[in-house]
Amino acid sequence: NILLDSSLTAQMSSLGLLPFNTSMPTHFSSSSST
């Protein structure tokens, strides 16, 4: 969940790859949106 954890984006950035969708959740459960 890159809304709360930026470690993945940092690892991908080291390869020159940046996340494009960074603001809206894409997974929904009865208790969370990630």
Full PDB file with SEQRES, HELIX, SHEET, SSBOND, CRYST1, ORIGX, SCALE, CONECT and MASTER records, all heavy atoms in Angstrom:
SEQRES   1 A   34  ASN ILE LEU LEU ASP SER SER LEU THR ALA GLN MET SER          
SEQRES   2 A   34  SER LEU GLY LEU LEU PRO PHE ASN THR SER MET PRO THR          
SEQRES   3 A   34  HIS PHE SER SER SER SER SER THR                              
HELIX    1 AA1 SER A    7  SER A   13  1                                   7    
CRYST1    1.000    1.000    1.000  90.00  90.00  90.00 P 1           1          
ORIGX1      1.000000  0.000000  0.000000        0.00000                         
ORIGX2      0.000000  1.000000  0.000000        0.00000                         
ORIGX3      0.000000  0.000000  1.000000        0.00000                         
SCALE1      1.000000  0.000000  0.000000        0.00000                         
SCALE2      0.000000  1.000000  0.000000        0.00000                         
SCALE3      0.000000  0.000000  1.000000        0.00000                         
ATOM      1  N   ASN A   1       0.846  -1.195   0.000  1.00  0.00           N  
ATOM      2  CA  ASN A   1       0.000   0.000   0.000  1.00  0.00           C  
ATOM      3  C   ASN A   1       0.879   1.243   0.000  1.00  0.00           C  
ATOM      4  O   ASN A   1       1.333   1.698   1.057  1.00  0.00           O  
ATOM      5  CB  ASN A   1      -0.922  -0.012   1.215  1.00  0.00           C  
ATOM      6  CG  ASN A   1      -1.869   1.182   1.215  1.00  0.00           C  
ATOM      7  OD1 ASN A   1      -2.053   1.837   0.184  1.00  0.00           O  
ATOM      8  ND2 ASN A   1      -2.454   1.465   2.367  1.00  0.00           N  
ATOM      9  N   ILE A   2       1.126   1.800  -1.156  1.00  0.00           N  
ATOM     10  CA  ILE A   2       2.062   2.926  -1.247  1.00  0.00           C  
ATOM     11  C   ILE A   2       1.467   4.214  -0.678  1.00  0.00           C  
ATOM     12  O   ILE A   2       2.166   5.224  -0.588  1.00  0.00           O  
ATOM     13  CB  ILE A   2       2.542   3.141  -2.694  1.00  0.00           C  
ATOM     14  CG1 ILE A   2       1.411   3.633  -3.596  1.00  0.00           C  
ATOM     15  CG2 ILE A   2       3.157   1.868  -3.254  1.00  0.00           C  
ATOM     16  CD1 ILE A   2       1.896   4.103  -4.953  1.00  0.00           C  
ATOM     17  N   LEU A   3       0.185   4.200  -0.293  1.00  0.00           N  
ATOM     18  CA  LEU A   3      -0.381   5.354   0.397  1.00  0.00           C  
ATOM     19  C   LEU A   3       0.229   5.512   1.784  1.00  0.00           C  
ATOM     20  O   LEU A   3       0.277   6.624   2.328  1.00  0.00           O  
ATOM     21  CB  LEU A   3      -1.901   5.210   0.509  1.00  0.00           C  
ATOM     22  CG  LEU A   3      -2.694   5.225  -0.805  1.00  0.00           C  
ATOM     23  CD1 LEU A   3      -4.160   4.943  -0.534  1.00  0.00           C  
ATOM     24  CD2 LEU A   3      -2.525   6.552  -1.540  1.00  0.00           C  
ATOM     25  N   LEU A   4       0.698   4.380   2.347  1.00  0.00           N  
ATOM     26  CA  LEU A   4       1.266   4.404   3.694  1.00  0.00           C  
ATOM     27  C   LEU A   4       2.733   4.001   3.732  1.00  0.00           C  
ATOM     28  O   LEU A   4       3.448   4.345   4.677  1.00  0.00           O  
ATOM     29  CB  LEU A   4       0.460   3.458   4.608  1.00  0.00           C  
ATOM     30  CG  LEU A   4      -1.042   3.744   4.746  1.00  0.00           C  
ATOM     31  CD1 LEU A   4      -1.700   2.673   5.599  1.00  0.00           C  
ATOM     32  CD2 LEU A   4      -1.269   5.129   5.344  1.00  0.00           C  
ATOM     33  N   ASP A   5       3.191   3.261   2.731  1.00  0.00           N  
ATOM     34  CA  ASP A   5       4.560   2.737   2.736  1.00  0.00           C  
ATOM     35  C   ASP A   5       5.240   3.079   1.405  1.00  0.00           C  
ATOM     36  O   ASP A   5       4.789   2.663   0.345  1.00  0.00           O  
ATOM     37  CB  ASP A   5       4.522   1.218   2.939  1.00  0.00           C  
ATOM     38  CG  ASP A   5       5.909   0.606   3.045  1.00  0.00           C  
ATOM     39  OD1 ASP A   5       6.898   1.364   2.972  1.00  0.00           O  
ATOM     40  OD2 ASP A   5       5.997  -0.627   3.171  1.00  0.00           O  
ATOM     41  N   SER A   6       6.324   3.846   1.474  1.00  0.00           N  
ATOM     42  CA  SER A   6       7.014   4.296   0.254  1.00  0.00           C  
ATOM     43  C   SER A   6       8.222   3.444  -0.103  1.00  0.00           C  
ATOM     44  O   SER A   6       8.957   3.778  -1.028  1.00  0.00           O  
ATOM     45  CB  SER A   6       7.458   5.749   0.427  1.00  0.00           C  
ATOM     46  OG  SER A   6       8.368   5.865   1.509  1.00  0.00           O  
ATOM     47  N   SER A   7       8.445   2.344   0.607  1.00  0.00           N  
ATOM     48  CA  SER A   7       9.640   1.536   0.362  1.00  0.00           C  
ATOM     49  C   SER A   7       9.633   0.941  -1.043  1.00  0.00           C  
ATOM     50  O   SER A   7      10.675   0.875  -1.715  1.00  0.00           O  
ATOM     51  CB  SER A   7       9.757   0.424   1.406  1.00  0.00           C  
ATOM     52  OG  SER A   7       8.611  -0.413   1.370  1.00  0.00           O  
ATOM     53  N   LEU A   8       8.481   0.497  -1.519  1.00  0.00           N  
ATOM     54  CA  LEU A   8       8.404  -0.091  -2.864  1.00  0.00           C  
ATOM     55  C   LEU A   8       8.733   0.953  -3.922  1.00  0.00           C  
ATOM     56  O   LEU A   8       9.483   0.663  -4.864  1.00  0.00           O  
ATOM     57  CB  LEU A   8       7.016  -0.679  -3.106  1.00  0.00           C  
ATOM     58  CG  LEU A   8       6.770  -1.218  -4.518  1.00  0.00           C  
ATOM     59  CD1 LEU A   8       7.683  -2.390  -4.821  1.00  0.00           C  
ATOM     60  CD2 LEU A   8       5.306  -1.612  -4.708  1.00  0.00           C  
ATOM     61  N   THR A   9       8.177   2.142  -3.806  1.00  0.00           N  
ATOM     62  CA  THR A   9       8.442   3.180  -4.798  1.00  0.00           C  
ATOM     63  C   THR A   9       9.919   3.551  -4.822  1.00  0.00           C  
ATOM     64  O   THR A   9      10.469   3.851  -5.889  1.00  0.00           O  
ATOM     65  CB  THR A   9       7.592   4.427  -4.516  1.00  0.00           C  
ATOM     66  OG1 THR A   9       7.860   4.895  -3.194  1.00  0.00           O  
ATOM     67  CG2 THR A   9       6.109   4.112  -4.637  1.00  0.00           C  
ATOM     68  N   ALA A  10      10.565   3.519  -3.658  1.00  0.00           N  
ATOM     69  CA  ALA A  10      12.003   3.815  -3.608  1.00  0.00           C  
ATOM     70  C   ALA A  10      12.805   2.739  -4.327  1.00  0.00           C  
ATOM     71  O   ALA A  10      13.765   3.038  -5.052  1.00  0.00           O  
ATOM     72  CB  ALA A  10      12.456   3.940  -2.159  1.00  0.00           C  
ATOM     73  N   GLN A  11      12.427   1.478  -4.139  1.00  0.00           N  
ATOM     74  CA  GLN A  11      13.131   0.382  -4.806  1.00  0.00           C  
ATOM     75  C   GLN A  11      12.955   0.444  -6.319  1.00  0.00           C  
ATOM     76  O   GLN A  11      13.916   0.235  -7.076  1.00  0.00           O  
ATOM     77  CB  GLN A  11      12.621  -0.963  -4.265  1.00  0.00           C  
ATOM     78  CG  GLN A  11      13.032  -1.248  -2.832  1.00  0.00           C  
ATOM     79  CD  GLN A  11      12.382  -2.510  -2.309  1.00  0.00           C  
ATOM     80  OE1 GLN A  11      11.161  -2.617  -2.219  1.00  0.00           O  
ATOM     81  NE2 GLN A  11      13.209  -3.488  -1.958  1.00  0.00           N  
ATOM     82  N   MET A  12      11.749   0.718  -6.784  1.00  0.00           N  
ATOM     83  CA  MET A  12      11.507   0.807  -8.215  1.00  0.00           C  
ATOM     84  C   MET A  12      12.175   2.051  -8.812  1.00  0.00           C  
ATOM     85  O   MET A  12      12.654   2.024  -9.946  1.00  0.00           O  
ATOM     86  CB  MET A  12      10.003   0.831  -8.498  1.00  0.00           C  
ATOM     87  CG  MET A  12       9.267  -0.429  -8.069  1.00  0.00           C  
ATOM     88  SD  MET A  12       9.751  -1.915  -8.987  1.00  0.00           S  
ATOM     89  CE  MET A  12       8.921  -1.640 -10.548  1.00  0.00           C  
ATOM     90  N   SER A  13      12.220   3.119  -8.036  1.00  0.00           N  
ATOM     91  CA  SER A  13      12.857   4.349  -8.514  1.00  0.00           C  
ATOM     92  C   SER A  13      14.339   4.146  -8.780  1.00  0.00           C  
ATOM     93  O   SER A  13      14.923   4.810  -9.641  1.00  0.00           O  
ATOM     94  CB  SER A  13      12.655   5.483  -7.507  1.00  0.00           C  
ATOM     95  OG  SER A  13      11.281   5.795  -7.375  1.00  0.00           O  
ATOM     96  N   SER A  14      14.958   3.233  -8.042  1.00  0.00           N  
ATOM     97  CA  SER A  14      16.381   2.959  -8.256  1.00  0.00           C  
ATOM     98  C   SER A  14      16.641   2.388  -9.642  1.00  0.00           C  
ATOM     99  O   SER A  14      17.766   2.429 -10.139  1.00  0.00           O  
ATOM    100  CB  SER A  14      16.894   1.995  -7.184  1.00  0.00           C  
ATOM    101  OG  SER A  14      16.290   0.705  -7.333  1.00  0.00           O  
ATOM    102  N   LEU A  15      15.592   1.862 -10.295  1.00  0.00           N  
ATOM    103  CA  LEU A  15      15.706   1.338 -11.662  1.00  0.00           C  
ATOM    104  C   LEU A  15      15.239   2.362 -12.686  1.00  0.00           C  
ATOM    105  O   LEU A  15      15.157   2.052 -13.881  1.00  0.00           O  
ATOM    106  CB  LEU A  15      14.873   0.062 -11.809  1.00  0.00           C  
ATOM    107  CG  LEU A  15      15.178  -1.089 -10.847  1.00  0.00           C  
ATOM    108  CD1 LEU A  15      14.270  -2.270 -11.139  1.00  0.00           C  
ATOM    109  CD2 LEU A  15      16.630  -1.497 -10.939  1.00  0.00           C  
ATOM    110  N   GLY A  16      14.890   3.539 -12.228  1.00  0.00           N  
ATOM    111  CA  GLY A  16      14.378   4.560 -13.131  1.00  0.00           C  
ATOM    112  C   GLY A  16      12.915   4.399 -13.449  1.00  0.00           C  
ATOM    113  O   GLY A  16      12.427   4.954 -14.437  1.00  0.00           O  
ATOM    114  N   LEU A  17      12.176   3.639 -12.612  1.00  0.00           N  
ATOM    115  CA  LEU A  17      10.751   3.409 -12.821  1.00  0.00           C  
ATOM    116  C   LEU A  17       9.954   4.111 -11.730  1.00  0.00           C  
ATOM    117  O   LEU A  17      10.181   3.867 -10.538  1.00  0.00           O  
ATOM    118  CB  LEU A  17      10.443   1.908 -12.824  1.00  0.00           C  
ATOM    119  CG  LEU A  17      11.160   1.082 -13.889  1.00  0.00           C  
ATOM    120  CD1 LEU A  17      10.846  -0.401 -13.716  1.00  0.00           C  
ATOM    121  CD2 LEU A  17      10.765   1.539 -15.294  1.00  0.00           C  
ATOM    122  N   LEU A  18       9.017   4.955 -12.119  1.00  0.00           N  
ATOM    123  CA  LEU A  18       8.237   5.747 -11.170  1.00  0.00           C  
ATOM    124  C   LEU A  18       6.775   5.335 -11.223  1.00  0.00           C  
ATOM    125  O   LEU A  18       6.241   5.037 -12.309  1.00  0.00           O  
ATOM    126  CB  LEU A  18       8.364   7.230 -11.506  1.00  0.00           C  
ATOM    127  CG  LEU A  18       9.787   7.809 -11.480  1.00  0.00           C  
ATOM    128  CD1 LEU A  18       9.762   9.253 -11.940  1.00  0.00           C  
ATOM    129  CD2 LEU A  18      10.400   7.678 -10.096  1.00  0.00           C  
ATOM    130  N   PRO A  19       6.082   5.323 -10.075  1.00  0.00           N  
ATOM    131  CA  PRO A  19       4.660   4.989 -10.081  1.00  0.00           C  
ATOM    132  C   PRO A  19       3.852   6.142 -10.663  1.00  0.00           C  
ATOM    133  O   PRO A  19       4.120   7.306 -10.361  1.00  0.00           O  
ATOM    134  CB  PRO A  19       4.351   4.775  -8.598  1.00  0.00           C  
ATOM    135  CG  PRO A  19       5.335   5.650  -7.886  1.00  0.00           C  
ATOM    136  CD  PRO A  19       6.575   5.631  -8.719  1.00  0.00           C  
ATOM    137  N   PHE A  20       2.875   5.813 -11.489  1.00  0.00           N  
ATOM    138  CA  PHE A  20       2.055   6.886 -12.051  1.00  0.00           C  
ATOM    139  C   PHE A  20       0.816   7.139 -11.197  1.00  0.00           C  
ATOM    140  O   PHE A  20       0.466   8.287 -10.941  1.00  0.00           O  
ATOM    141  CB  PHE A  20       1.634   6.560 -13.483  1.00  0.00           C  
ATOM    142  CG  PHE A  20       0.951   7.718 -14.141  1.00  0.00           C  
ATOM    143  CD1 PHE A  20       1.707   8.715 -14.734  1.00  0.00           C  
ATOM    144  CD2 PHE A  20      -0.422   7.839 -14.147  1.00  0.00           C  
ATOM    145  CE1 PHE A  20       1.090   9.817 -15.327  1.00  0.00           C  
ATOM    146  CE2 PHE A  20      -1.055   8.933 -14.732  1.00  0.00           C  
ATOM    147  CZ  PHE A  20      -0.298   9.923 -15.323  1.00  0.00           C  
ATOM    148  N   ASN A  21       0.126   6.077 -10.785  1.00  0.00           N  
ATOM    149  CA  ASN A  21      -1.059   6.256  -9.947  1.00  0.00           C  
ATOM    150  C   ASN A  21      -0.642   6.185  -8.483  1.00  0.00           C  
ATOM    151  O   ASN A  21      -0.226   5.139  -7.988  1.00  0.00           O  
ATOM    152  CB  ASN A  21      -2.121   5.209 -10.274  1.00  0.00           C  
ATOM    153  CG  ASN A  21      -1.605   3.785 -10.225  1.00  0.00           C  
ATOM    154  OD1 ASN A  21      -0.527   3.488 -10.731  1.00  0.00           O  
ATOM    155  ND2 ASN A  21      -2.389   2.895  -9.636  1.00  0.00           N  
ATOM    156  N   THR A  22      -0.725   7.301  -7.780  1.00  0.00           N  
ATOM    157  CA  THR A  22      -0.197   7.384  -6.411  1.00  0.00           C  
ATOM    158  C   THR A  22      -1.183   7.934  -5.393  1.00  0.00           C  
ATOM    159  O   THR A  22      -0.829   8.088  -4.224  1.00  0.00           O  
ATOM    160  CB  THR A  22       1.051   8.287  -6.395  1.00  0.00           C  
ATOM    161  OG1 THR A  22       0.700   9.592  -6.889  1.00  0.00           O  
ATOM    162  CG2 THR A  22       2.161   7.715  -7.254  1.00  0.00           C  
ATOM    163  N   SER A  23      -2.416   8.215  -5.797  1.00  0.00           N  
ATOM    164  CA  SER A  23      -3.318   8.897  -4.862  1.00  0.00           C  
ATOM    165  C   SER A  23      -4.613   8.173  -4.544  1.00  0.00           C  
ATOM    166  O   SER A  23      -5.136   8.296  -3.434  1.00  0.00           O  
ATOM    167  CB  SER A  23      -3.648  10.296  -5.410  1.00  0.00           C  
ATOM    168  OG  SER A  23      -4.238  10.191  -6.699  1.00  0.00           O  
ATOM    169  N   MET A  24      -5.137   7.399  -5.500  1.00  0.00           N  
ATOM    170  CA  MET A  24      -6.450   6.776  -5.302  1.00  0.00           C  
ATOM    171  C   MET A  24      -6.311   5.287  -4.986  1.00  0.00           C  
ATOM    172  O   MET A  24      -5.553   4.583  -5.662  1.00  0.00           O  
ATOM    173  CB  MET A  24      -7.313   6.951  -6.556  1.00  0.00           C  
ATOM    174  CG  MET A  24      -7.651   8.381  -6.888  1.00  0.00           C  
ATOM    175  SD  MET A  24      -8.610   8.506  -8.416  1.00  0.00           S  
ATOM    176  CE  MET A  24     -10.066   7.546  -7.960  1.00  0.00           C  
ATOM    177  N   PRO A  25      -7.008   4.786  -3.976  1.00  0.00           N  
ATOM    178  CA  PRO A  25      -6.957   3.350  -3.663  1.00  0.00           C  
ATOM    179  C   PRO A  25      -7.533   2.522  -4.804  1.00  0.00           C  
ATOM    180  O   PRO A  25      -8.396   2.974  -5.555  1.00  0.00           O  
ATOM    181  CB  PRO A  25      -7.803   3.230  -2.397  1.00  0.00           C  
ATOM    182  CG  PRO A  25      -8.684   4.431  -2.400  1.00  0.00           C  
ATOM    183  CD  PRO A  25      -7.904   5.520  -3.070  1.00  0.00           C  
ATOM    184  N   THR A  26      -7.055   1.286  -4.924  1.00  0.00           N  
ATOM    185  CA  THR A  26      -7.537   0.385  -5.973  1.00  0.00           C  
ATOM    186  C   THR A  26      -8.126  -0.912  -5.426  1.00  0.00           C  
ATOM    187  O   THR A  26      -8.690  -1.699  -6.182  1.00  0.00           O  
ATOM    188  CB  THR A  26      -6.383   0.010  -6.929  1.00  0.00           C  
ATOM    189  OG1 THR A  26      -5.345  -0.639  -6.176  1.00  0.00           O  
ATOM    190  CG2 THR A  26      -5.814   1.242  -7.609  1.00  0.00           C  
ATOM    191  N   HIS A  27      -7.971  -1.135  -4.110  1.00  0.00           N  
ATOM    192  CA  HIS A  27      -8.496  -2.359  -3.493  1.00  0.00           C  
ATOM    193  C   HIS A  27      -9.378  -1.971  -2.322  1.00  0.00           C  
ATOM    194  O   HIS A  27      -9.009  -1.129  -1.489  1.00  0.00           O  
ATOM    195  CB  HIS A  27      -7.361  -3.262  -3.021  1.00  0.00           C  
ATOM    196  CG  HIS A  27      -7.829  -4.479  -2.291  1.00  0.00           C  
ATOM    197  ND1 HIS A  27      -7.771  -4.614  -0.922  1.00  0.00           N  
ATOM    198  CD2 HIS A  27      -8.395  -5.629  -2.758  1.00  0.00           C  
ATOM    199  CE1 HIS A  27      -8.261  -5.785  -0.578  1.00  0.00           C  
ATOM    200  NE2 HIS A  27      -8.646  -6.415  -1.670  1.00  0.00           N  
ATOM    201  N   PHE A  28     -10.541  -2.616  -2.239  1.00  0.00           N  
ATOM    202  CA  PHE A  28     -11.533  -2.234  -1.245  1.00  0.00           C  
ATOM    203  C   PHE A  28     -12.038  -3.462  -0.490  1.00  0.00           C  
ATOM    204  O   PHE A  28     -12.399  -4.467  -1.101  1.00  0.00           O  
ATOM    205  CB  PHE A  28     -12.710  -1.521  -1.918  1.00  0.00           C  
ATOM    206  CG  PHE A  28     -12.294  -0.362  -2.767  1.00  0.00           C  
ATOM    207  CD1 PHE A  28     -11.994  -0.550  -4.118  1.00  0.00           C  
ATOM    208  CD2 PHE A  28     -12.186   0.902  -2.235  1.00  0.00           C  
ATOM    209  CE1 PHE A  28     -11.597   0.511  -4.913  1.00  0.00           C  
ATOM    210  CE2 PHE A  28     -11.785   1.982  -3.019  1.00  0.00           C  
ATOM    211  CZ  PHE A  28     -11.492   1.781  -4.362  1.00  0.00           C  
ATOM    212  N   SER A  29     -12.026  -3.359   0.830  1.00  0.00           N  
ATOM    213  CA  SER A  29     -12.604  -4.399   1.683  1.00  0.00           C  
ATOM    214  C   SER A  29     -13.599  -3.735   2.625  1.00  0.00           C  
ATOM    215  O   SER A  29     -13.793  -2.513   2.581  1.00  0.00           O  
ATOM    216  CB  SER A  29     -11.502  -5.112   2.479  1.00  0.00           C  
ATOM    217  OG  SER A  29     -10.920  -4.229   3.421  1.00  0.00           O  
ATOM    218  N   SER A  30     -14.225  -4.517   3.478  1.00  0.00           N  
ATOM    219  CA  SER A  30     -15.219  -3.953   4.389  1.00  0.00           C  
ATOM    220  C   SER A  30     -14.611  -3.017   5.416  1.00  0.00           C  
ATOM    221  O   SER A  30     -15.306  -2.209   6.027  1.00  0.00           O  
ATOM    222  CB  SER A  30     -15.961  -5.093   5.104  1.00  0.00           C  
ATOM    223  OG  SER A  30     -15.037  -5.930   5.784  1.00  0.00           O  
ATOM    224  N   SER A  31     -13.278  -3.088   5.601  1.00  0.00           N  
ATOM    225  CA  SER A  31     -12.648  -2.282   6.649  1.00  0.00           C  
ATOM    226  C   SER A  31     -11.538  -1.361   6.153  1.00  0.00           C  
ATOM    227  O   SER A  31     -11.020  -0.556   6.927  1.00  0.00           O  
ATOM    228  CB  SER A  31     -12.064  -3.210   7.723  1.00  0.00           C  
ATOM    229  OG  SER A  31     -11.116  -4.104   7.151  1.00  0.00           O  
ATOM    230  N   SER A  32     -11.145  -1.455   4.870  1.00  0.00           N  
ATOM    231  CA  SER A  32     -10.018  -0.632   4.421  1.00  0.00           C  
ATOM    232  C   SER A  32     -10.084  -0.369   2.925  1.00  0.00           C  
ATOM    233  O   SER A  32     -10.786  -1.059   2.180  1.00  0.00           O  
ATOM    234  CB  SER A  32      -8.689  -1.319   4.752  1.00  0.00           C  
ATOM    235  OG  SER A  32      -8.569  -2.529   4.011  1.00  0.00           O  
ATOM    236  N   SER A  33      -9.314   0.671   2.508  1.00  0.00           N  
ATOM    237  CA  SER A  33      -9.127   0.998   1.096  1.00  0.00           C  
ATOM    238  C   SER A  33      -7.631   1.192   0.879  1.00  0.00           C  
ATOM    239  O   SER A  33      -7.024   2.060   1.509  1.00  0.00           O  
ATOM    240  CB  SER A  33      -9.881   2.273   0.713  1.00  0.00           C  
ATOM    241  OG  SER A  33     -11.266   2.121   0.948  1.00  0.00           O  
ATOM    242  N   THR A  34      -7.025   0.409  -0.004  1.00  0.00           N  
ATOM    243  CA  THR A  34      -5.574   0.432  -0.185  1.00  0.00           C  
ATOM    244  C   THR A  34      -5.214   0.566  -1.654  1.00  0.00           C  
ATOM    245  O   THR A  34      -5.996   0.198  -2.542  1.00  0.00           O  
ATOM    246  CB  THR A  34      -4.934  -0.855   0.376  1.00  0.00           C  
ATOM    247  OG1 THR A  34      -5.620  -1.991  -0.184  1.00  0.00           O  
ATOM    248  CG2 THR A  34      -5.045  -0.901   1.884  1.00  0.00           C  
TER     249      THR A  34                                                      
MASTER        0    0    0    1    0    0    0    6  248    1    0    3          
END                                                                             
